[in-house]
Amino acid sequence: MTAGLESFKEHFKQKVLSMTDMSRFNQYLTLANQLANVATKEDLAECARLLAINVAHYQSVYGSLPLEETLEMAYAETPNQAQIDLMTNGMETMVGVLGGIVQGFDTKPSH
């Protein structure tokens, strides 16, 4: 009986943690949508370029990214915790880049 109760508690704890993490992801998603609504077409293109460079850098260091797995994760009906964490981190990065562009950080720093 105790093992069943502990299992239920752990399941409930994971469910609450997952909802909290999904809430964080949804907050970033909402912010990204708000930024996209005020961004110009050029701002969005610059954001895509900067993120593409980021991906290319990652690939040069760690190897190619499996696009098929990424697409499956992005459109999963019930993502697991690792997928939620990865998507949240990705949205956080996008919000940071797009927010910087919209607010006007210097995208072409002088050297």
N, C-alpha and C. Protein backbone atom coordinates (compact mmCIF):
# COMPACT_ATOMS: atom_id res chain seq x y z
N MET A 1 0.82 -1.19 0.00
CA MET A 1 0.00 0.00 0.00
C MET A 1 0.87 1.25 0.00
N THR A 2 1.92 1.26 0.80
CA THR A 2 2.80 2.42 0.88
C THR A 2 3.52 2.65 -0.45
N ALA A 3 3.95 1.57 -1.10
CA ALA A 3 4.63 1.71 -2.39
C ALA A 3 3.69 2.33 -3.41
N GLY A 4 2.42 1.95 -3.39
CA GLY A 4 1.44 2.52 -4.31
C GLY A 4 1.24 4.00 -4.05
N LEU A 5 1.19 4.39 -2.79
CA LEU A 5 1.03 5.79 -2.42
C LEU A 5 2.25 6.60 -2.85
N GLU A 6 3.44 6.04 -2.63
CA GLU A 6 4.67 6.73 -3.04
C GLU A 6 4.73 6.88 -4.56
N SER A 7 4.31 5.86 -5.26
CA SER A 7 4.27 5.92 -6.72
C SER A 7 3.31 7.00 -7.19
N PHE A 8 2.14 7.08 -6.53
CA PHE A 8 1.17 8.12 -6.88
C PHE A 8 1.73 9.50 -6.61
N LYS A 9 2.38 9.68 -5.44
CA LYS A 9 2.97 10.97 -5.10
C LYS A 9 4.01 11.38 -6.13
N GLU A 10 4.86 10.44 -6.53
CA GLU A 10 5.89 10.74 -7.51
C GLU A 10 5.26 11.11 -8.86
N HIS A 11 4.25 10.37 -9.25
CA HIS A 11 3.55 10.67 -10.52
C HIS A 11 2.92 12.06 -10.46
N PHE A 12 2.28 12.39 -9.34
CA PHE A 12 1.64 13.69 -9.17
C PHE A 12 2.69 14.80 -9.18
N LYS A 13 3.81 14.57 -8.49
CA LYS A 13 4.90 15.55 -8.44
C LYS A 13 5.42 15.81 -9.86
N GLN A 14 5.62 14.75 -10.63
CA GLN A 14 6.10 14.91 -12.01
C GLN A 14 5.09 15.64 -12.87
N LYS A 15 3.81 15.36 -12.65
CA LYS A 15 2.75 16.03 -13.41
C LYS A 15 2.74 17.54 -13.11
N VAL A 16 2.87 17.90 -11.85
CA VAL A 16 2.91 19.31 -11.46
C VAL A 16 4.16 19.96 -12.02
N LEU A 17 5.31 19.30 -11.93
CA LEU A 17 6.55 19.83 -12.48
C LEU A 17 6.41 20.05 -13.97
N SER A 18 5.83 19.07 -14.66
CA SER A 18 5.64 19.18 -16.10
C SER A 18 4.72 20.34 -16.44
N MET A 19 3.64 20.52 -15.68
CA MET A 19 2.72 21.63 -15.95
C MET A 19 3.44 22.96 -15.74
N THR A 20 4.27 23.03 -14.69
CA THR A 20 5.01 24.24 -14.42
C THR A 20 5.95 24.53 -15.58
N ASP A 21 6.65 23.52 -16.05
CA ASP A 21 7.57 23.70 -17.17
C ASP A 21 6.83 24.05 -18.45
N MET A 22 5.68 23.44 -18.67
CA MET A 22 4.89 23.78 -19.85
C MET A 22 4.38 25.21 -19.74
N SER A 23 4.08 25.63 -18.53
CA SER A 23 3.64 27.01 -18.31
C SER A 23 4.77 27.97 -18.68
N ARG A 24 5.98 27.65 -18.28
CA ARG A 24 7.14 28.48 -18.63
C ARG A 24 7.33 28.51 -20.15
N PHE A 25 7.22 27.36 -20.79
CA PHE A 25 7.33 27.31 -22.25
C PHE A 25 6.24 28.18 -22.88
N ASN A 26 5.02 28.05 -22.39
CA ASN A 26 3.91 28.84 -22.95
C ASN A 26 4.12 30.34 -22.76
N GLN A 27 4.73 30.72 -21.66
CA GLN A 27 5.03 32.14 -21.44
C GLN A 27 6.03 32.64 -22.47
N TYR A 28 7.06 31.85 -22.74
CA TYR A 28 8.03 32.23 -23.78
C TYR A 28 7.37 32.26 -25.16
N LEU A 29 6.50 31.31 -25.41
CA LEU A 29 5.80 31.26 -26.69
C LEU A 29 4.93 32.50 -26.87
N THR A 30 4.22 32.89 -25.83
CA THR A 30 3.40 34.10 -25.88
C THR A 30 4.26 35.33 -26.13
N LEU A 31 5.37 35.43 -25.42
CA LEU A 31 6.28 36.56 -25.61
C LEU A 31 6.86 36.57 -27.03
N ALA A 32 7.22 35.41 -27.55
CA ALA A 32 7.73 35.32 -28.92
C ALA A 32 6.68 35.78 -29.92
N ASN A 33 5.45 35.40 -29.71
CA ASN A 33 4.37 35.83 -30.60
C ASN A 33 4.15 37.34 -30.52
N GLN A 34 4.23 37.90 -29.33
CA GLN A 34 4.09 39.35 -29.17
C GLN A 34 5.22 40.08 -29.89
N LEU A 35 6.44 39.58 -29.74
CA LEU A 35 7.58 40.19 -30.42
C LEU A 35 7.42 40.08 -31.94
N ALA A 36 6.98 38.92 -32.41
CA ALA A 36 6.80 38.72 -33.85
C ALA A 36 5.74 39.67 -34.40
N ASN A 37 4.75 40.00 -33.60
CA ASN A 37 3.70 40.92 -34.05
C ASN A 37 4.20 42.35 -34.22
N VAL A 38 5.22 42.74 -33.45
CA VAL A 38 5.74 44.11 -33.58
C VAL A 38 7.00 44.17 -34.44
N ALA A 39 7.59 43.01 -34.72
CA ALA A 39 8.81 42.97 -35.52
C ALA A 39 8.48 43.22 -37.00
N THR A 40 9.44 43.79 -37.68
CA THR A 40 9.30 43.96 -39.12
C THR A 40 9.73 42.66 -39.80
N LYS A 41 9.46 42.57 -41.05
CA LYS A 41 9.89 41.41 -41.83
C LYS A 41 11.42 41.29 -41.78
N GLU A 42 12.09 42.42 -41.85
CA GLU A 42 13.56 42.44 -41.79
C GLU A 42 14.06 41.97 -40.41
N ASP A 43 13.35 42.37 -39.35
CA ASP A 43 13.71 41.91 -38.00
C ASP A 43 13.62 40.39 -37.91
N LEU A 44 12.55 39.84 -38.44
CA LEU A 44 12.36 38.38 -38.40
C LEU A 44 13.42 37.66 -39.22
N ALA A 45 13.77 38.25 -40.38
CA ALA A 45 14.81 37.66 -41.21
C ALA A 45 16.16 37.69 -40.49
N GLU A 46 16.45 38.80 -39.82
CA GLU A 46 17.71 38.91 -39.07
C GLU A 46 17.74 37.91 -37.92
N CYS A 47 16.62 37.72 -37.26
CA CYS A 47 16.53 36.73 -36.18
C CYS A 47 16.81 35.33 -36.74
N ALA A 48 16.20 35.02 -37.86
CA ALA A 48 16.42 33.70 -38.48
C ALA A 48 17.89 33.53 -38.86
N ARG A 49 18.51 34.57 -39.39
CA ARG A 49 19.93 34.49 -39.76
C ARG A 49 20.80 34.23 -38.53
N LEU A 50 20.56 34.98 -37.46
CA LEU A 50 21.37 34.80 -36.25
C LEU A 50 21.18 33.41 -35.64
N LEU A 51 19.94 32.93 -35.63
CA LEU A 51 19.70 31.59 -35.09
C LEU A 51 20.30 30.51 -35.99
N ALA A 52 20.29 30.74 -37.32
CA ALA A 52 20.91 29.79 -38.25
C ALA A 52 22.41 29.71 -38.01
N ILE A 53 23.03 30.86 -37.76
CA ILE A 53 24.46 30.88 -37.45
C ILE A 53 24.72 30.12 -36.16
N ASN A 54 23.84 30.29 -35.19
CA ASN A 54 23.97 29.58 -33.92
C ASN A 54 23.90 28.06 -34.13
N VAL A 55 22.96 27.63 -34.96
CA VAL A 55 22.83 26.19 -35.26
C VAL A 55 24.07 25.70 -36.00
N ALA A 56 24.55 26.48 -36.97
CA ALA A 56 25.74 26.08 -37.73
C ALA A 56 26.95 25.96 -36.82
N HIS A 57 27.08 26.87 -35.87
CA HIS A 57 28.18 26.79 -34.91
C HIS A 57 28.07 25.51 -34.09
N TYR A 58 26.89 25.23 -33.60
CA TYR A 58 26.67 24.00 -32.82
C TYR A 58 27.06 22.77 -33.65
N GLN A 59 26.62 22.75 -34.91
CA GLN A 59 26.92 21.61 -35.77
C GLN A 59 28.42 21.46 -36.01
N SER A 60 29.13 22.58 -36.14
CA SER A 60 30.57 22.49 -36.38
C SER A 60 31.31 21.95 -35.16
N VAL A 61 30.75 22.17 -33.98
CA VAL A 61 31.39 21.70 -32.76
C VAL A 61 30.94 20.28 -32.40
N TYR A 62 29.62 20.00 -32.52
CA TYR A 62 29.07 18.75 -32.01
C TYR A 62 28.55 17.79 -33.07
N GLY A 63 28.51 18.20 -34.32
CA GLY A 63 27.98 17.34 -35.37
C GLY A 63 26.57 17.77 -35.78
N SER A 64 26.09 17.16 -36.83
CA SER A 64 24.80 17.59 -37.40
C SER A 64 23.64 17.30 -36.45
N LEU A 65 22.60 18.10 -36.61
CA LEU A 65 21.39 17.94 -35.82
C LEU A 65 20.38 17.09 -36.59
N PRO A 66 19.74 16.13 -35.91
CA PRO A 66 18.76 15.28 -36.58
C PRO A 66 17.43 16.02 -36.76
N LEU A 67 17.19 16.57 -37.95
CA LEU A 67 15.99 17.36 -38.20
C LEU A 67 14.71 16.56 -37.95
N GLU A 68 14.70 15.30 -38.34
CA GLU A 68 13.49 14.49 -38.16
C GLU A 68 13.09 14.38 -36.68
N GLU A 69 14.08 14.13 -35.82
CA GLU A 69 13.79 14.04 -34.39
C GLU A 69 13.33 15.39 -33.84
N THR A 70 13.92 16.46 -34.34
CA THR A 70 13.53 17.80 -33.89
C THR A 70 12.09 18.09 -34.27
N LEU A 71 11.70 17.74 -35.47
CA LEU A 71 10.32 17.95 -35.91
C LEU A 71 9.34 17.12 -35.09
N GLU A 72 9.69 15.88 -34.82
CA GLU A 72 8.83 15.02 -33.99
C GLU A 72 8.64 15.63 -32.62
N MET A 73 9.73 16.16 -32.05
CA MET A 73 9.65 16.76 -30.72
C MET A 73 8.79 18.01 -30.76
N ALA A 74 8.98 18.83 -31.76
CA ALA A 74 8.26 20.11 -31.84
C ALA A 74 6.76 19.91 -31.96
N TYR A 75 6.35 18.82 -32.57
CA TYR A 75 4.92 18.60 -32.80
C TYR A 75 4.34 17.45 -31.98
N ALA A 76 5.05 17.04 -30.94
CA ALA A 76 4.56 15.96 -30.08
C ALA A 76 3.33 16.44 -29.30
N GLU A 77 2.32 15.57 -29.22
CA GLU A 77 1.11 15.93 -28.46
C GLU A 77 1.38 15.98 -26.97
N THR A 78 2.17 15.04 -26.49
CA THR A 78 2.52 15.01 -25.07
C THR A 78 4.04 14.86 -24.95
N PRO A 79 4.76 15.99 -24.98
CA PRO A 79 6.23 15.92 -24.89
C PRO A 79 6.68 15.45 -23.52
N ASN A 80 7.81 14.76 -23.50
CA ASN A 80 8.37 14.33 -22.22
C ASN A 80 9.16 15.49 -21.60
N GLN A 81 9.69 15.30 -20.41
CA GLN A 81 10.35 16.38 -19.69
C GLN A 81 11.56 16.91 -20.45
N ALA A 82 12.36 16.02 -21.03
CA ALA A 82 13.54 16.46 -21.78
C ALA A 82 13.13 17.31 -22.98
N GLN A 83 12.06 16.93 -23.66
CA GLN A 83 11.57 17.69 -24.80
C GLN A 83 11.06 19.06 -24.36
N ILE A 84 10.33 19.10 -23.25
CA ILE A 84 9.82 20.37 -22.73
C ILE A 84 10.99 21.30 -22.39
N ASP A 85 11.99 20.75 -21.73
CA ASP A 85 13.17 21.56 -21.36
C ASP A 85 13.86 22.12 -22.60
N LEU A 86 14.04 21.27 -23.60
CA LEU A 86 14.71 21.69 -24.83
C LEU A 86 13.90 22.75 -25.57
N MET A 87 12.59 22.55 -25.68
CA MET A 87 11.75 23.53 -26.37
C MET A 87 11.72 24.85 -25.61
N THR A 88 11.69 24.78 -24.28
CA THR A 88 11.69 26.00 -23.47
C THR A 88 12.99 26.77 -23.66
N ASN A 89 14.12 26.05 -23.63
CA ASN A 89 15.40 26.71 -23.85
C ASN A 89 15.48 27.32 -25.24
N GLY A 90 14.95 26.63 -26.22
CA GLY A 90 14.93 27.16 -27.58
C GLY A 90 14.09 28.42 -27.69
N MET A 91 12.92 28.43 -27.05
CA MET A 91 12.06 29.62 -27.09
C MET A 91 12.72 30.77 -26.33
N GLU A 92 13.40 30.46 -25.25
CA GLU A 92 14.11 31.49 -24.49
C GLU A 92 15.18 32.14 -25.36
N THR A 93 15.91 31.33 -26.11
CA THR A 93 16.93 31.85 -27.02
C THR A 93 16.30 32.72 -28.10
N MET A 94 15.22 32.23 -28.69
CA MET A 94 14.56 33.00 -29.74
C MET A 94 14.05 34.34 -29.21
N VAL A 95 13.43 34.33 -28.05
CA VAL A 95 12.92 35.56 -27.45
C VAL A 95 14.07 36.53 -27.18
N GLY A 96 15.19 36.02 -26.71
CA GLY A 96 16.34 36.88 -26.46
C GLY A 96 16.87 37.52 -27.72
N VAL A 97 17.01 36.73 -28.77
CA VAL A 97 17.53 37.25 -30.04
C VAL A 97 16.54 38.22 -30.66
N LEU A 98 15.28 37.80 -30.80
CA LEU A 98 14.28 38.66 -31.43
C LEU A 98 14.04 39.92 -30.60
N GLY A 99 14.01 39.78 -29.28
CA GLY A 99 13.84 40.94 -28.42
C GLY A 99 14.97 41.93 -28.58
N GLY A 100 16.19 41.43 -28.68
CA GLY A 100 17.34 42.31 -28.90
C GLY A 100 17.26 43.03 -30.22
N ILE A 101 16.83 42.34 -31.25
CA ILE A 101 16.70 42.96 -32.57
C ILE A 101 15.61 44.02 -32.56
N VAL A 102 14.45 43.68 -32.02
CA VAL A 102 13.33 44.63 -31.99
C VAL A 102 13.70 45.87 -31.15
N GLN A 103 14.42 45.65 -30.05
CA GLN A 103 14.80 46.78 -29.19
C GLN A 103 16.01 47.53 -29.74
N GLY A 104 16.66 46.96 -30.73
CA GLY A 104 17.72 47.68 -31.40
C GLY A 104 19.13 47.44 -30.94
N PHE A 105 19.46 46.23 -30.46
CA PHE A 105 20.88 46.03 -30.16
C PHE A 105 21.65 46.00 -31.47
N ASP A 106 22.90 46.33 -31.40
CA ASP A 106 23.74 46.43 -32.59
C ASP A 106 24.01 45.04 -33.11
N THR A 107 23.39 44.66 -34.24
CA THR A 107 23.57 43.33 -34.81
C THR A 107 24.85 43.22 -35.63
N LYS A 108 25.51 44.35 -35.88
CA LYS A 108 26.77 44.36 -36.63
C LYS A 108 27.81 45.09 -35.79
N PRO A 109 28.30 44.43 -34.72
CA PRO A 109 29.25 45.12 -33.84
C PRO A 109 30.54 45.47 -34.58
N SER A 110 31.13 46.60 -34.22
CA SER A 110 32.41 46.98 -34.83
C SER A 110 33.53 46.28 -34.07
N HIS A 111 34.58 45.97 -34.79
CA HIS A 111 35.72 45.27 -34.18
C HIS A 111 36.92 46.16 -34.16
